[in-house]
Amino acid sequence: MDIGRRVYEHLLTKEEAARKYGVSVPCIYVYVRAYMRSIGIEPLPKGTKRVEPAKDYRSMTKDEFINELMPKDIEVARAKKGYAAKGKPARP
């Protein structure tokens, strides 16, 4: 449980814990999941990832809103350019 707690609380990475305690990384996952259950948190099923809650754009200032969306717009533009550069037609 102590190993699972240390990894869960980000005191050690999974890889550091595996080396330090001489166990495999998948074993560390088992320890973390067991620790989570012991404190009343049900781990997500294997293969699923936690999704961060959506941001409330209405509470942001104009500048915060622009700074939030700008990287997303750039990412979309790069993706579109990448598709066109590889010879695939760009989506309309």
PDB file of N, CA and C in Angstrom:
ATOM      1  N   MET A   1       0.828  -1.196   0.000  1.00  0.00           N
ATOM      2  CA  MET A   1       0.000   0.000   0.000  1.00  0.00           C
ATOM      3  C   MET A   1       0.873   1.262   0.000  1.00  0.00           C
ATOM      4  N   ASP A   2       1.999   1.190   0.691  1.00  0.00           N
ATOM      5  CA  ASP A   2       2.858   2.369   0.774  1.00  0.00           C
ATOM      6  C   ASP A   2       3.426   2.728  -0.601  1.00  0.00           C
ATOM      7  N   ILE A   3       3.786   1.728  -1.379  1.00  0.00           N
ATOM      8  CA  ILE A   3       4.299   1.991  -2.720  1.00  0.00           C
ATOM      9  C   ILE A   3       3.199   2.625  -3.567  1.00  0.00           C
ATOM     10  N   GLY A   4       2.014   2.067  -3.519  1.00  0.00           N
ATOM     11  CA  GLY A   4       0.886   2.615  -4.258  1.00  0.00           C
ATOM     12  C   GLY A   4       0.585   4.045  -3.851  1.00  0.00           C
ATOM     13  N   ARG A   5       0.660   4.340  -2.567  1.00  0.00           N
ATOM     14  CA  ARG A   5       0.408   5.695  -2.073  1.00  0.00           C
ATOM     15  C   ARG A   5       1.452   6.664  -2.601  1.00  0.00           C
ATOM     16  N   ARG A   6       2.721   6.257  -2.554  1.00  0.00           N
ATOM     17  CA  ARG A   6       3.796   7.148  -3.013  1.00  0.00           C
ATOM     18  C   ARG A   6       3.660   7.493  -4.496  1.00  0.00           C
ATOM     19  N   VAL A   7       3.279   6.513  -5.301  1.00  0.00           N
ATOM     20  CA  VAL A   7       3.104   6.768  -6.728  1.00  0.00           C
ATOM     21  C   VAL A   7       1.832   7.596  -6.956  1.00  0.00           C
ATOM     22  N   TYR A   8       0.765   7.256  -6.252  1.00  0.00           N
ATOM     23  CA  TYR A   8      -0.500   7.990  -6.396  1.00  0.00           C
ATOM     24  C   TYR A   8      -0.333   9.465  -6.029  1.00  0.00           C
ATOM     25  N   GLU A   9       0.448   9.735  -5.002  1.00  0.00           N
ATOM     26  CA  GLU A   9       0.665  11.114  -4.556  1.00  0.00           C
ATOM     27  C   GLU A   9       1.807  11.799  -5.308  1.00  0.00           C
ATOM     28  N   HIS A  10       2.314  11.158  -6.350  1.00  0.00           N
ATOM     29  CA  HIS A  10       3.372  11.701  -7.206  1.00  0.00           C
ATOM     30  C   HIS A  10       4.671  11.979  -6.445  1.00  0.00           C
ATOM     31  N   LEU A  11       4.935  11.188  -5.411  1.00  0.00           N
ATOM     32  CA  LEU A  11       6.214  11.276  -4.719  1.00  0.00           C
ATOM     33  C   LEU A  11       7.279  10.500  -5.492  1.00  0.00           C
ATOM     34  N   LEU A  12       6.830   9.484  -6.241  1.00  0.00           N
ATOM     35  CA  LEU A  12       7.693   8.686  -7.114  1.00  0.00           C
ATOM     36  C   LEU A  12       6.965   8.447  -8.424  1.00  0.00           C
ATOM     37  N   THR A  13       7.717   8.327  -9.507  1.00  0.00           N
ATOM     38  CA  THR A  13       7.097   7.894 -10.755  1.00  0.00           C
ATOM     39  C   THR A  13       6.973   6.373 -10.715  1.00  0.00           C
ATOM     40  N   LYS A  14       6.182   5.827 -11.615  1.00  0.00           N
ATOM     41  CA  LYS A  14       6.034   4.372 -11.676  1.00  0.00           C
ATOM     42  C   LYS A  14       7.378   3.709 -11.942  1.00  0.00           C
ATOM     43  N   GLU A  15       8.160   4.316 -12.832  1.00  0.00           N
ATOM     44  CA  GLU A  15       9.462   3.742 -13.185  1.00  0.00           C
ATOM     45  C   GLU A  15      10.442   3.806 -12.009  1.00  0.00           C
ATOM     46  N   GLU A  16      10.449   4.930 -11.294  1.00  0.00           N
ATOM     47  CA  GLU A  16      11.332   5.065 -10.128  1.00  0.00           C
ATOM     48  C   GLU A  16      10.967   4.042  -9.062  1.00  0.00           C
ATOM     49  N   ALA A  17       9.678   3.882  -8.810  1.00  0.00           N
ATOM     50  CA  ALA A  17       9.226   2.922  -7.800  1.00  0.00           C
ATOM     51  C   ALA A  17       9.596   1.497  -8.198  1.00  0.00           C
ATOM     52  N   ALA A  18       9.443   1.175  -9.480  1.00  0.00           N
ATOM     53  CA  ALA A  18       9.775  -0.177  -9.947  1.00  0.00           C
ATOM     54  C   ALA A  18      11.252  -0.476  -9.715  1.00  0.00           C
ATOM     55  N   ARG A  19      12.121   0.499 -10.047  1.00  0.00           N
ATOM     56  CA  ARG A  19      13.562   0.302  -9.830  1.00  0.00           C
ATOM     57  C   ARG A  19      13.900   0.215  -8.348  1.00  0.00           C
ATOM     58  N   LYS A  20      13.336   1.132  -7.564  1.00  0.00           N
ATOM     59  CA  LYS A  20      13.668   1.212  -6.139  1.00  0.00           C
ATOM     60  C   LYS A  20      13.251  -0.051  -5.380  1.00  0.00           C
ATOM     61  N   TYR A  21      12.076  -0.587  -5.716  1.00  0.00           N
ATOM     62  CA  TYR A  21      11.556  -1.737  -4.973  1.00  0.00           C
ATOM     63  C   TYR A  21      11.736  -3.062  -5.705  1.00  0.00           C
ATOM     64  N   GLY A  22      12.367  -3.036  -6.888  1.00  0.00           N
ATOM     65  CA  GLY A  22      12.676  -4.275  -7.604  1.00  0.00           C
ATOM     66  C   GLY A  22      11.465  -5.021  -8.120  1.00  0.00           C
ATOM     67  N   VAL A  23      10.445  -4.285  -8.577  1.00  0.00           N
ATOM     68  CA  VAL A  23       9.261  -4.920  -9.153  1.00  0.00           C
ATOM     69  C   VAL A  23       9.032  -4.336 -10.543  1.00  0.00           C
ATOM     70  N   SER A  24       8.107  -4.930 -11.278  1.00  0.00           N
ATOM     71  CA  SER A  24       7.834  -4.456 -12.633  1.00  0.00           C
ATOM     72  C   SER A  24       6.870  -3.262 -12.596  1.00  0.00           C
ATOM     73  N   VAL A  25       6.862  -2.499 -13.674  1.00  0.00           N
ATOM     74  CA  VAL A  25       5.947  -1.356 -13.774  1.00  0.00           C
ATOM     75  C   VAL A  25       4.485  -1.816 -13.729  1.00  0.00           C
ATOM     76  N   PRO A  26       4.101  -2.905 -14.438  1.00  0.00           N
ATOM     77  CA  PRO A  26       2.707  -3.355 -14.306  1.00  0.00           C
ATOM     78  C   PRO A  26       2.325  -3.696 -12.859  1.00  0.00           C
ATOM     79  N   CYS A  27       3.292  -4.175 -12.089  1.00  0.00           N
ATOM     80  CA  CYS A  27       3.037  -4.470 -10.678  1.00  0.00           C
ATOM     81  C   CYS A  27       2.741  -3.169  -9.921  1.00  0.00           C
ATOM     82  N   ILE A  28       3.428  -2.101 -10.277  1.00  0.00           N
ATOM     83  CA  ILE A  28       3.192  -0.804  -9.642  1.00  0.00           C
ATOM     84  C   ILE A  28       1.768  -0.346  -9.909  1.00  0.00           C
ATOM     85  N   TYR A  29       1.280  -0.579 -11.143  1.00  0.00           N
ATOM     86  CA  TYR A  29      -0.113  -0.236 -11.459  1.00  0.00           C
ATOM     87  C   TYR A  29      -1.075  -0.961 -10.520  1.00  0.00           C
ATOM     88  N   VAL A  30      -0.785  -2.226 -10.251  1.00  0.00           N
ATOM     89  CA  VAL A  30      -1.632  -3.013  -9.346  1.00  0.00           C
ATOM     90  C   VAL A  30      -1.617  -2.391  -7.952  1.00  0.00           C
ATOM     91  N   TYR A  31      -0.444  -1.977  -7.489  1.00  0.00           N
ATOM     92  CA  TYR A  31      -0.328  -1.373  -6.160  1.00  0.00           C
ATOM     93  C   TYR A  31      -1.103  -0.053  -6.083  1.00  0.00           C
ATOM     94  N   VAL A  32      -0.999   0.752  -7.137  1.00  0.00           N
ATOM     95  CA  VAL A  32      -1.693   2.043  -7.139  1.00  0.00           C
ATOM     96  C   VAL A  32      -3.204   1.824  -7.131  1.00  0.00           C
ATOM     97  N   ARG A  33      -3.673   0.889  -7.943  1.00  0.00           N
ATOM     98  CA  ARG A  33      -5.116   0.610  -7.990  1.00  0.00           C
ATOM     99  C   ARG A  33      -5.607   0.078  -6.631  1.00  0.00           C
ATOM    100  N   ALA A  34      -4.806  -0.761  -5.993  1.00  0.00           N
ATOM    101  CA  ALA A  34      -5.187  -1.276  -4.673  1.00  0.00           C
ATOM    102  C   ALA A  34      -5.231  -0.143  -3.654  1.00  0.00           C
ATOM    103  N   TYR A  35      -4.270   0.761  -3.719  1.00  0.00           N
ATOM    104  CA  TYR A  35      -4.278   1.907  -2.804  1.00  0.00           C
ATOM    105  C   TYR A  35      -5.501   2.777  -3.048  1.00  0.00           C
ATOM    106  N   MET A  36      -5.814   3.029  -4.308  1.00  0.00           N
ATOM    107  CA  MET A  36      -6.973   3.859  -4.630  1.00  0.00           C
ATOM    108  C   MET A  36      -8.251   3.244  -4.062  1.00  0.00           C
ATOM    109  N   ARG A  37      -8.400   1.945  -4.211  1.00  0.00           N
ATOM    110  CA  ARG A  37      -9.592   1.277  -3.653  1.00  0.00           C
ATOM    111  C   ARG A  37      -9.622   1.393  -2.130  1.00  0.00           C
ATOM    112  N   SER A  38      -8.449   1.337  -1.502  1.00  0.00           N
ATOM    113  CA  SER A  38      -8.404   1.392  -0.036  1.00  0.00           C
ATOM    114  C   SER A  38      -8.836   2.749   0.510  1.00  0.00           C
ATOM    115  N   ILE A  39      -8.696   3.800  -0.313  1.00  0.00           N
ATOM    116  CA  ILE A  39      -9.119   5.128   0.141  1.00  0.00           C
ATOM    117  C   ILE A  39     -10.481   5.520  -0.439  1.00  0.00           C
ATOM    118  N   GLY A  40     -11.147   4.554  -1.085  1.00  0.00           N
ATOM    119  CA  GLY A  40     -12.507   4.791  -1.555  1.00  0.00           C
ATOM    120  C   GLY A  40     -12.628   5.380  -2.943  1.00  0.00           C
ATOM    121  N   ILE A  41     -11.569   5.318  -3.744  1.00  0.00           N
ATOM    122  CA  ILE A  41     -11.622   5.801  -5.124  1.00  0.00           C
ATOM    123  C   ILE A  41     -11.622   4.584  -6.029  1.00  0.00           C
ATOM    124  N   GLU A  42     -12.656   4.456  -6.848  1.00  0.00           N
ATOM    125  CA  GLU A  42     -12.725   3.326  -7.763  1.00  0.00           C
ATOM    126  C   GLU A  42     -11.934   3.664  -9.019  1.00  0.00           C
ATOM    127  N   PRO A  43     -10.854   2.920  -9.310  1.00  0.00           N
ATOM    128  CA  PRO A  43     -10.054   3.198 -10.505  1.00  0.00           C
ATOM    129  C   PRO A  43     -10.877   3.024 -11.776  1.00  0.00           C
ATOM    130  N   LEU A  44     -10.496   3.739 -12.826  1.00  0.00           N
ATOM    131  CA  LEU A  44     -11.163   3.593 -14.114  1.00  0.00           C
ATOM    132  C   LEU A  44     -10.816   2.237 -14.716  1.00  0.00           C
ATOM    133  N   PRO A  45     -11.685   1.692 -15.553  1.00  0.00           N
ATOM    134  CA  PRO A  45     -11.367   0.429 -16.224  1.00  0.00           C
ATOM    135  C   PRO A  45     -10.094   0.574 -17.063  1.00  0.00           C
ATOM    136  N   LYS A  46      -9.407  -0.533 -17.283  1.00  0.00           N
ATOM    137  CA  LYS A  46      -8.163  -0.514 -18.059  1.00  0.00           C
ATOM    138  C   LYS A  46      -8.401   0.118 -19.424  1.00  0.00           C
ATOM    139  N   GLY A  47      -7.455   0.930 -19.853  1.00  0.00           N
ATOM    140  CA  GLY A  47      -7.512   1.527 -21.171  1.00  0.00           C
ATOM    141  C   GLY A  47      -8.249   2.850 -21.244  1.00  0.00           C
ATOM    142  N   THR A  48      -8.941   3.244 -20.182  1.00  0.00           N
ATOM    143  CA  THR A  48      -9.631   4.536 -20.209  1.00  0.00           C
ATOM    144  C   THR A  48      -8.758   5.573 -19.529  1.00  0.00           C
ATOM    145  N   LYS A  49      -8.920   6.804 -19.954  1.00  0.00           N
ATOM    146  CA  LYS A  49      -8.128   7.893 -19.389  1.00  0.00           C
ATOM    147  C   LYS A  49      -9.057   8.901 -18.746  1.00  0.00           C
ATOM    148  N   ARG A  50      -8.550   9.544 -17.727  1.00  0.00           N
ATOM    149  CA  ARG A  50      -9.334  10.589 -17.076  1.00  0.00           C
ATOM    150  C   ARG A  50      -9.434  11.796 -17.986  1.00  0.00           C
ATOM    151  N   VAL A  51     -10.609  12.384 -18.013  1.00  0.00           N
ATOM    152  CA  VAL A  51     -10.845  13.568 -18.818  1.00  0.00           C
ATOM    153  C   VAL A  51     -10.975  14.749 -17.872  1.00  0.00           C
ATOM    154  N   GLU A  52     -10.214  15.799 -18.156  1.00  0.00           N
ATOM    155  CA  GLU A  52     -10.302  16.975 -17.310  1.00  0.00           C
ATOM    156  C   GLU A  52     -11.639  17.659 -17.548  1.00  0.00           C
ATOM    157  N   PRO A  53     -12.225  18.235 -16.502  1.00  0.00           N
ATOM    158  CA  PRO A  53     -13.505  18.909 -16.683  1.00  0.00           C
ATOM    159  C   PRO A  53     -13.379  20.078 -17.661  1.00  0.00           C
ATOM    160  N   ALA A  54     -14.447  20.325 -18.392  1.00  0.00           N
ATOM    161  CA  ALA A  54     -14.438  21.418 -19.364  1.00  0.00           C
ATOM    162  C   ALA A  54     -14.299  22.754 -18.639  1.00  0.00           C
ATOM    163  N   LYS A  55     -13.593  23.673 -19.289  1.00  0.00           N
ATOM    164  CA  LYS A  55     -13.400  24.989 -18.696  1.00  0.00           C
ATOM    165  C   LYS A  55     -14.639  25.835 -18.937  1.00  0.00           C
ATOM    166  N   ASP A  56     -14.903  26.716 -18.020  1.00  0.00           N
ATOM    167  CA  ASP A  56     -16.029  27.620 -18.164  1.00  0.00           C
ATOM    168  C   ASP A  56     -15.541  28.886 -18.863  1.00  0.00           C
ATOM    169  N   TYR A  57     -15.766  28.941 -20.157  1.00  0.00           N
ATOM    170  CA  TYR A  57     -15.287  30.073 -20.947  1.00  0.00           C
ATOM    171  C   TYR A  57     -16.002  31.373 -20.584  1.00  0.00           C
ATOM    172  N   ARG A  58     -17.217  31.269 -20.065  1.00  0.00           N
ATOM    173  CA  ARG A  58     -17.983  32.475 -19.740  1.00  0.00           C
ATOM    174  C   ARG A  58     -17.343  33.287 -18.622  1.00  0.00           C
ATOM    175  N   SER A  59     -16.591  32.631 -17.753  1.00  0.00           N
ATOM    176  CA  SER A  59     -15.987  33.352 -16.631  1.00  0.00           C
ATOM    177  C   SER A  59     -14.618  33.942 -16.978  1.00  0.00           C
ATOM    178  N   MET A  60     -14.134  33.678 -18.209  1.00  0.00           N
ATOM    179  CA  MET A  60     -12.819  34.172 -18.609  1.00  0.00           C
ATOM    180  C   MET A  60     -12.922  35.588 -19.163  1.00  0.00           C
ATOM    181  N   THR A  61     -11.803  36.303 -19.021  1.00  0.00           N
ATOM    182  CA  THR A  61     -11.721  37.611 -19.669  1.00  0.00           C
ATOM    183  C   THR A  61     -11.460  37.374 -21.158  1.00  0.00           C
ATOM    184  N   LYS A  62     -11.564  38.411 -21.943  1.00  0.00           N
ATOM    185  CA  LYS A  62     -11.344  38.289 -23.379  1.00  0.00           C
ATOM    186  C   LYS A  62      -9.931  37.784 -23.663  1.00  0.00           C
ATOM    187  N   ASP A  63      -8.939  38.338 -22.973  1.00  0.00           N
ATOM    188  CA  ASP A  63      -7.554  37.921 -23.188  1.00  0.00           C
ATOM    189  C   ASP A  63      -7.330  36.470 -22.777  1.00  0.00           C
ATOM    190  N   GLU A  64      -7.898  36.048 -21.660  1.00  0.00           N
ATOM    191  CA  GLU A  64      -7.773  34.655 -21.222  1.00  0.00           C
ATOM    192  C   GLU A  64      -8.406  33.718 -22.249  1.00  0.00           C
ATOM    193  N   PHE A  65      -9.554  34.122 -22.768  1.00  0.00           N
ATOM    194  CA  PHE A  65     -10.267  33.315 -23.750  1.00  0.00           C
ATOM    195  C   PHE A  65      -9.431  33.158 -25.028  1.00  0.00           C
ATOM    196  N   ILE A  66      -8.858  34.252 -25.491  1.00  0.00           N
ATOM    197  CA  ILE A  66      -8.012  34.212 -26.695  1.00  0.00           C
ATOM    198  C   ILE A  66      -6.795  33.328 -26.458  1.00  0.00           C
ATOM    199  N   ASN A  67      -6.156  33.482 -25.300  1.00  0.00           N
ATOM    200  CA  ASN A  67      -4.978  32.669 -24.974  1.00  0.00           C
ATOM    201  C   ASN A  67      -5.320  31.190 -24.841  1.00  0.00           C
ATOM    202  N   GLU A  68      -6.536  30.881 -24.458  1.00  0.00           N
ATOM    203  CA  GLU A  68      -6.984  29.496 -24.341  1.00  0.00           C
ATOM    204  C   GLU A  68      -7.226  28.875 -25.717  1.00  0.00           C
ATOM    205  N   LEU A  69      -7.823  29.629 -26.612  1.00  0.00           N
ATOM    206  CA  LEU A  69      -8.196  29.080 -27.908  1.00  0.00           C
ATOM    207  C   LEU A  69      -7.094  29.148 -28.959  1.00  0.00           C
ATOM    208  N   MET A  70      -6.179  30.070 -28.832  1.00  0.00           N
ATOM    209  CA  MET A  70      -5.129  30.247 -29.839  1.00  0.00           C
ATOM    210  C   MET A  70      -4.349  28.956 -30.108  1.00  0.00           C
ATOM    211  N   PRO A  71      -3.846  28.245 -29.099  1.00  0.00           N
ATOM    212  CA  PRO A  71      -3.099  27.009 -29.380  1.00  0.00           C
ATOM    213  C   PRO A  71      -3.950  25.968 -30.093  1.00  0.00           C
ATOM    214  N   LYS A  72      -5.241  25.921 -29.790  1.00  0.00           N
ATOM    215  CA  LYS A  72      -6.124  24.959 -30.446  1.00  0.00           C
ATOM    216  C   LYS A  72      -6.300  25.305 -31.919  1.00  0.00           C
ATOM    217  N   ASP A  73      -6.434  26.582 -32.223  1.00  0.00           N
ATOM    218  CA  ASP A  73      -6.546  27.011 -33.617  1.00  0.00           C
ATOM    219  C   ASP A  73      -5.268  26.691 -34.389  1.00  0.00           C
ATOM    220  N   ILE A  74      -4.127  26.908 -33.754  1.00  0.00           N
ATOM    221  CA  ILE A  74      -2.841  26.609 -34.396  1.00  0.00           C
ATOM    222  C   ILE A  74      -2.712  25.111 -34.659  1.00  0.00           C
ATOM    223  N   GLU A  75      -3.127  24.298 -33.691  1.00  0.00           N
ATOM    224  CA  GLU A  75      -3.055  22.849 -33.846  1.00  0.00           C
ATOM    225  C   GLU A  75      -3.916  22.379 -35.011  1.00  0.00           C
ATOM    226  N   VAL A  76      -5.103  22.933 -35.137  1.00  0.00           N
ATOM    227  CA  VAL A  76      -6.000  22.569 -36.233  1.00  0.00           C
ATOM    228  C   VAL A  76      -5.394  22.986 -37.567  1.00  0.00           C
ATOM    229  N   ALA A  77      -4.849  24.201 -37.629  1.00  0.00           N
ATOM    230  CA  ALA A  77      -4.241  24.682 -38.871  1.00  0.00           C
ATOM    231  C   ALA A  77      -3.057  23.808 -39.277  1.00  0.00           C
ATOM    232  N   ARG A  78      -2.241  23.407 -38.317  1.00  0.00           N
ATOM    233  CA  ARG A  78      -1.092  22.536 -38.627  1.00  0.00           C
ATOM    234  C   ARG A  78      -1.561  21.181 -39.122  1.00  0.00           C
ATOM    235  N   ALA A  79      -2.606  20.659 -38.506  1.00  0.00           N
ATOM    236  CA  ALA A  79      -3.125  19.360 -38.926  1.00  0.00           C
ATOM    237  C   ALA A  79      -3.644  19.425 -40.358  1.00  0.00           C
ATOM    238  N   LYS A  80      -4.361  20.492 -40.679  1.00  0.00           N
ATOM    239  CA  LYS A  80      -4.874  20.641 -42.040  1.00  0.00           C
ATOM    240  C   LYS A  80      -3.735  20.768 -43.036  1.00  0.00           C
ATOM    241  N   LYS A  81      -2.724  21.522 -42.696  1.00  0.00           N
ATOM    242  CA  LYS A  81      -1.579  21.700 -43.589  1.00  0.00           C
ATOM    243  C   LYS A  81      -0.843  20.373 -43.751  1.00  0.00           C
ATOM    244  N   GLY A  82      -0.738  19.622 -42.686  1.00  0.00           N
ATOM    245  CA  GLY A  82      -0.073  18.320 -42.748  1.00  0.00           C
ATOM    246  C   GLY A  82      -0.779  17.366 -43.674  1.00  0.00           C
ATOM    247  N   TYR A  83      -2.115  17.373 -43.656  1.00  0.00           N
ATOM    248  CA  TYR A  83      -2.857  16.489 -44.552  1.00  0.00           C
ATOM    249  C   TYR A  83      -2.620  16.893 -46.002  1.00  0.00           C
ATOM    250  N   ALA A  84      -2.632  18.188 -46.289  1.00  0.00           N
ATOM    251  CA  ALA A  84      -2.436  18.664 -47.647  1.00  0.00           C
ATOM    252  C   ALA A  84      -1.008  18.358 -48.108  1.00  0.00           C
ATOM    253  N   ALA A  85      -0.038  18.451 -47.209  1.00  0.00           N
ATOM    254  CA  ALA A  85       1.357  18.228 -47.568  1.00  0.00           C
ATOM    255  C   ALA A  85       1.633  16.769 -47.894  1.00  0.00           C
ATOM    256  N   LYS A  86       0.851  15.857 -47.346  1.00  0.00           N
ATOM    257  CA  LYS A  86       1.067  14.432 -47.586  1.00  0.00           C
ATOM    258  C   LYS A  86       0.328  13.940 -48.830  1.00  0.00           C
ATOM    259  N   GLY A  87      -0.326  14.862 -49.541  1.00  0.00           N
ATOM    260  CA  GLY A  87      -0.993  14.475 -50.765  1.00  0.00           C
ATOM    261  C   GLY A  87      -2.459  14.125 -50.588  1.00  0.00           C
ATOM    262  N   LYS A  88      -2.938  14.117 -49.384  1.00  0.00           N
ATOM    263  CA  LYS A  88      -4.348  13.843 -49.150  1.00  0.00           C
ATOM    264  C   LYS A  88      -5.115  15.152 -49.297  1.00  0.00           C
ATOM    265  N   PRO A  89      -6.295  15.098 -49.838  1.00  0.00           N
ATOM    266  CA  PRO A  89      -7.056  16.336 -49.959  1.00  0.00           C
ATOM    267  C   PRO A  89      -7.461  16.871 -48.595  1.00  0.00           C
ATOM    268  N   ALA A  90      -7.384  18.173 -48.455  1.00  0.00           N
ATOM    269  CA  ALA A  90      -7.789  18.806 -47.204  1.00  0.00           C
ATOM    270  C   ALA A  90      -9.300  18.740 -47.081  1.00  0.00           C
ATOM    271  N   ARG A  91      -9.774  18.579 -45.870  1.00  0.00           N
ATOM    272  CA  ARG A  91     -11.217  18.547 -45.638  1.00  0.00           C
ATOM    273  C   ARG A  91     -11.798  19.935 -45.835  1.00  0.00           C
ATOM    274  N   PRO A  92     -12.987  20.000 -46.391  1.00  0.00           N
ATOM    275  CA  PRO A  92     -13.602  21.329 -46.601  1.00  0.00           C
ATOM    276  C   PRO A  92     -13.991  21.996 -45.321  1.00  0.00           C
TER     277      PRO A  92
END
